[in-house]
C-alpha cells in the first residue's frame, strides 16, 4: 500500500527525507490501509517540540484533525534549525512497512520558481520521448 503526493516533486526541490511513524485513532488505520486518504495540500509544523501534519484528508473521519508524527528529538532539532532558513516540511508518502505499521515519509524542501518548474516539465517530456523511441 502506497499513497504518494505527486505535487511534492514538482512544487519543491527536495533537500532531505525522513521516515517516521504516525499516531492514528481506530478507524483511521483501516481507512489508510484501504487507500482512502489524501495528502495533497498538506503540510507539517512544529508545536512544543513535536511535529504535526495538518489538512490530511482521511475519509472515515468527518473532521480534519492534526496528526502527530513520531520523530526522535535529534531529528526534530535538525528540522527546526532548517526551518529557520526558509524551508518547508511536506508529507511525501504514506506506506505500510513489513510489520504492518503505517509510516510516513516527510520531505524538507525549498519551493521551486516558475522557471524551475518549466525545466522539470521539459526533462519529463524528454525522458518520455526517449522511452517511446527505445520501445520502437
Foldseek 3Di string as FASTA:
>chain_A
DKDFAVCPVLFWDFDDKDKWAWDDDDPQLVQVVVVQKDQYPKFWDDDPLWIWIFDIDRPVDPDTDIITIDDDSVVSVVVVVVVVVVWTKGWGMWDADPVRGIMTMITITDTDDPVVSVVVVVVVVVVVVVVVVVVD
